Amino acid sequence: MTSDDVVTELLGEGWEEDVLPYFLDFLKRSIKDADRYSFIRDFAKPLTFNHNPRDRLEMKYFDDVLDAKQYDFNENN
């Protein structure tokens, strides 16, 4: 399997090279979000869903706090 085969499998036929930087950014963000989820899933309180999602600034603040805690946790273990 070639790298083009992998990208074609993920993006579908007809992808163009100018989309690759955006795709790479998406993959990096997805991996970071997955790491955050795996770190907090054992510590998180039960989740509730409502009709009013969080403000994006509040979400960024939460991500920053979580990243700092995760870094501290990894440094201590």
N, C-alpha and C. Protein backbone atom coordinates (compact mmCIF):
# COMPACT_ATOMS: atom_id res chain seq x y z
N MET A 1 0.85 -1.17 0.00
CA MET A 1 0.00 0.00 0.00
C MET A 1 0.90 1.24 0.00
N THR A 2 0.58 2.20 -0.82
CA THR A 2 1.36 3.43 -0.90
C THR A 2 0.70 4.53 -0.08
N SER A 3 1.44 5.61 0.11
CA SER A 3 0.85 6.74 0.84
C SER A 3 -0.35 7.31 0.09
N ASP A 4 -0.28 7.33 -1.24
CA ASP A 4 -1.43 7.79 -2.03
C ASP A 4 -2.65 6.90 -1.82
N ASP A 5 -2.42 5.59 -1.70
CA ASP A 5 -3.52 4.65 -1.44
C ASP A 5 -4.19 4.96 -0.10
N VAL A 6 -3.38 5.26 0.92
CA VAL A 6 -3.92 5.56 2.25
C VAL A 6 -4.76 6.83 2.19
N VAL A 7 -4.22 7.88 1.57
CA VAL A 7 -4.96 9.15 1.49
C VAL A 7 -6.23 8.97 0.67
N THR A 8 -6.15 8.23 -0.42
CA THR A 8 -7.34 7.99 -1.24
C THR A 8 -8.40 7.22 -0.45
N GLU A 9 -7.97 6.27 0.36
CA GLU A 9 -8.91 5.52 1.19
C GLU A 9 -9.61 6.44 2.19
N LEU A 10 -8.87 7.41 2.75
CA LEU A 10 -9.44 8.31 3.74
C LEU A 10 -10.24 9.46 3.13
N LEU A 11 -9.76 10.02 2.03
CA LEU A 11 -10.41 11.19 1.43
C LEU A 11 -11.29 10.86 0.23
N GLY A 12 -11.14 9.68 -0.32
CA GLY A 12 -11.91 9.31 -1.49
C GLY A 12 -11.17 9.64 -2.78
N GLU A 13 -11.70 9.17 -3.85
CA GLU A 13 -11.09 9.41 -5.16
C GLU A 13 -11.14 10.89 -5.52
N GLY A 14 -10.15 11.34 -6.28
CA GLY A 14 -10.17 12.70 -6.80
C GLY A 14 -9.65 13.76 -5.85
N TRP A 15 -8.97 13.38 -4.77
CA TRP A 15 -8.43 14.38 -3.86
C TRP A 15 -7.28 15.10 -4.53
N GLU A 16 -7.07 16.34 -4.13
CA GLU A 16 -5.99 17.14 -4.70
C GLU A 16 -4.98 17.49 -3.61
N GLU A 17 -3.75 17.72 -4.01
CA GLU A 17 -2.66 17.95 -3.05
C GLU A 17 -2.88 19.18 -2.18
N ASP A 18 -3.60 20.18 -2.67
CA ASP A 18 -3.79 21.39 -1.87
C ASP A 18 -4.66 21.15 -0.63
N VAL A 19 -5.34 20.00 -0.54
CA VAL A 19 -6.15 19.68 0.63
C VAL A 19 -5.31 19.01 1.73
N LEU A 20 -4.11 18.54 1.40
CA LEU A 20 -3.30 17.79 2.35
C LEU A 20 -2.92 18.57 3.61
N PRO A 21 -2.52 19.85 3.54
CA PRO A 21 -2.22 20.57 4.78
C PRO A 21 -3.43 20.66 5.72
N TYR A 22 -4.62 20.83 5.17
CA TYR A 22 -5.84 20.89 5.99
C TYR A 22 -6.15 19.52 6.60
N PHE A 23 -5.93 18.48 5.80
CA PHE A 23 -6.16 17.12 6.28
C PHE A 23 -5.18 16.78 7.40
N LEU A 24 -3.92 17.17 7.25
CA LEU A 24 -2.92 16.94 8.29
C LEU A 24 -3.30 17.66 9.58
N ASP A 25 -3.73 18.92 9.47
CA ASP A 25 -4.16 19.67 10.65
C ASP A 25 -5.33 18.98 11.33
N PHE A 26 -6.29 18.50 10.54
CA PHE A 26 -7.44 17.79 11.08
C PHE A 26 -7.00 16.53 11.83
N LEU A 27 -6.07 15.78 11.25
CA LEU A 27 -5.59 14.57 11.90
C LEU A 27 -4.88 14.88 13.22
N LYS A 28 -4.05 15.92 13.23
CA LYS A 28 -3.35 16.30 14.46
C LYS A 28 -4.34 16.72 15.55
N ARG A 29 -5.36 17.52 15.20
CA ARG A 29 -6.36 17.93 16.18
C ARG A 29 -7.15 16.73 16.68
N SER A 30 -7.47 15.80 15.79
CA SER A 30 -8.22 14.61 16.18
C SER A 30 -7.44 13.74 17.16
N ILE A 31 -6.15 13.59 16.90
CA ILE A 31 -5.31 12.80 17.79
C ILE A 31 -5.20 13.47 19.16
N LYS A 32 -5.05 14.79 19.16
CA LYS A 32 -4.96 15.52 20.43
C LYS A 32 -6.27 15.40 21.21
N ASP A 33 -7.40 15.54 20.52
CA ASP A 33 -8.70 15.39 21.18
C ASP A 33 -8.89 13.97 21.72
N ALA A 34 -8.44 12.96 20.97
CA ALA A 34 -8.54 11.58 21.43
C ALA A 34 -7.68 11.37 22.68
N ASP A 35 -6.49 11.97 22.70
CA ASP A 35 -5.65 11.87 23.89
C ASP A 35 -6.31 12.52 25.10
N ARG A 36 -6.94 13.67 24.88
CA ARG A 36 -7.65 14.34 25.97
C ARG A 36 -8.77 13.45 26.50
N TYR A 37 -9.53 12.88 25.58
CA TYR A 37 -10.64 12.03 25.98
C TYR A 37 -10.14 10.84 26.80
N SER A 38 -9.08 10.15 26.29
CA SER A 38 -8.59 9.00 27.03
C SER A 38 -8.06 9.37 28.39
N PHE A 39 -7.51 10.58 28.53
CA PHE A 39 -6.98 11.00 29.82
C PHE A 39 -8.11 11.26 30.83
N ILE A 40 -9.19 11.89 30.39
CA ILE A 40 -10.23 12.28 31.35
C ILE A 40 -11.34 11.26 31.53
N ARG A 41 -11.47 10.28 30.67
CA ARG A 41 -12.65 9.40 30.76
C ARG A 41 -12.75 8.68 32.09
N ASP A 42 -11.62 8.39 32.73
CA ASP A 42 -11.67 7.71 34.02
C ASP A 42 -11.95 8.66 35.18
N PHE A 43 -11.78 9.96 34.95
CA PHE A 43 -11.94 10.95 36.01
C PHE A 43 -13.19 11.80 35.85
N ALA A 44 -13.81 11.73 34.68
CA ALA A 44 -14.91 12.64 34.36
C ALA A 44 -16.16 12.29 35.17
N LYS A 45 -16.91 13.33 35.48
CA LYS A 45 -18.22 13.14 36.10
C LYS A 45 -19.19 12.67 35.01
N PRO A 46 -20.30 12.11 35.41
CA PRO A 46 -21.29 11.72 34.39
C PRO A 46 -21.66 12.93 33.52
N LEU A 47 -21.74 12.69 32.24
CA LEU A 47 -22.03 13.76 31.30
C LEU A 47 -23.53 13.93 31.12
N THR A 48 -23.93 15.15 30.96
CA THR A 48 -25.32 15.44 30.59
C THR A 48 -25.29 16.30 29.34
N PHE A 49 -26.28 16.15 28.53
CA PHE A 49 -26.36 16.91 27.29
C PHE A 49 -27.55 17.85 27.37
N ASN A 50 -27.37 19.04 26.85
CA ASN A 50 -28.48 19.99 26.80
C ASN A 50 -28.54 20.61 25.41
N HIS A 51 -29.47 21.50 25.23
CA HIS A 51 -29.67 22.09 23.92
C HIS A 51 -28.77 23.29 23.66
N ASN A 52 -28.02 23.72 24.68
CA ASN A 52 -27.16 24.88 24.52
C ASN A 52 -25.69 24.45 24.67
N PRO A 53 -25.01 24.25 23.54
CA PRO A 53 -23.61 23.82 23.65
C PRO A 53 -22.74 24.91 24.27
N ARG A 54 -21.58 24.50 24.77
CA ARG A 54 -20.65 25.45 25.39
C ARG A 54 -20.14 26.47 24.39
N ASP A 55 -19.82 27.62 24.92
CA ASP A 55 -19.17 28.66 24.14
C ASP A 55 -17.78 28.18 23.73
N ARG A 56 -17.34 28.51 22.54
CA ARG A 56 -16.03 28.06 22.04
C ARG A 56 -14.89 28.55 22.93
N LEU A 57 -14.97 29.75 23.47
CA LEU A 57 -13.93 30.26 24.35
C LEU A 57 -13.86 29.45 25.63
N GLU A 58 -15.03 29.07 26.15
CA GLU A 58 -15.07 28.22 27.34
C GLU A 58 -14.44 26.85 27.04
N MET A 59 -14.70 26.32 25.85
CA MET A 59 -14.13 25.04 25.47
C MET A 59 -12.61 25.14 25.35
N LYS A 60 -12.11 26.23 24.78
CA LYS A 60 -10.66 26.41 24.66
C LYS A 60 -10.02 26.50 26.04
N TYR A 61 -10.66 27.23 26.94
CA TYR A 61 -10.15 27.33 28.31
C TYR A 61 -10.09 25.94 28.95
N PHE A 62 -11.14 25.16 28.80
CA PHE A 62 -11.18 23.81 29.34
C PHE A 62 -10.06 22.96 28.74
N ASP A 63 -9.85 23.05 27.42
CA ASP A 63 -8.77 22.30 26.78
C ASP A 63 -7.41 22.70 27.33
N ASP A 64 -7.20 24.00 27.54
CA ASP A 64 -5.92 24.48 28.08
C ASP A 64 -5.67 23.94 29.49
N VAL A 65 -6.71 23.97 30.33
CA VAL A 65 -6.58 23.44 31.69
C VAL A 65 -6.29 21.94 31.64
N LEU A 66 -7.01 21.23 30.81
CA LEU A 66 -6.82 19.79 30.68
C LEU A 66 -5.42 19.46 30.18
N ASP A 67 -4.95 20.19 29.18
CA ASP A 67 -3.60 19.95 28.66
C ASP A 67 -2.55 20.16 29.74
N ALA A 68 -2.72 21.19 30.55
CA ALA A 68 -1.77 21.45 31.64
C ALA A 68 -1.81 20.31 32.67
N LYS A 69 -3.00 19.86 33.04
CA LYS A 69 -3.13 18.76 34.00
C LYS A 69 -2.54 17.47 33.42
N GLN A 70 -2.80 17.23 32.14
CA GLN A 70 -2.27 16.03 31.51
C GLN A 70 -0.74 16.07 31.48
N TYR A 71 -0.17 17.23 31.20
CA TYR A 71 1.28 17.37 31.18
C TYR A 71 1.85 17.11 32.58
N ASP A 72 1.21 17.70 33.61
CA ASP A 72 1.65 17.47 34.99
C ASP A 72 1.57 16.00 35.36
N PHE A 73 0.49 15.34 34.97
CA PHE A 73 0.29 13.93 35.28
C PHE A 73 1.39 13.09 34.63
N ASN A 74 1.70 13.36 33.35
CA ASN A 74 2.72 12.60 32.62
C ASN A 74 4.11 12.85 33.20
N GLU A 75 4.38 14.06 33.65
CA GLU A 75 5.67 14.38 34.23
C GLU A 75 5.89 13.67 35.56
N ASN A 76 4.82 13.45 36.31
CA ASN A 76 4.93 12.83 37.63
C ASN A 76 4.94 11.32 37.60
N ASN A 77 4.62 10.73 36.47
CA ASN A 77 4.59 9.25 36.36
C ASN A 77 5.71 8.75 35.50
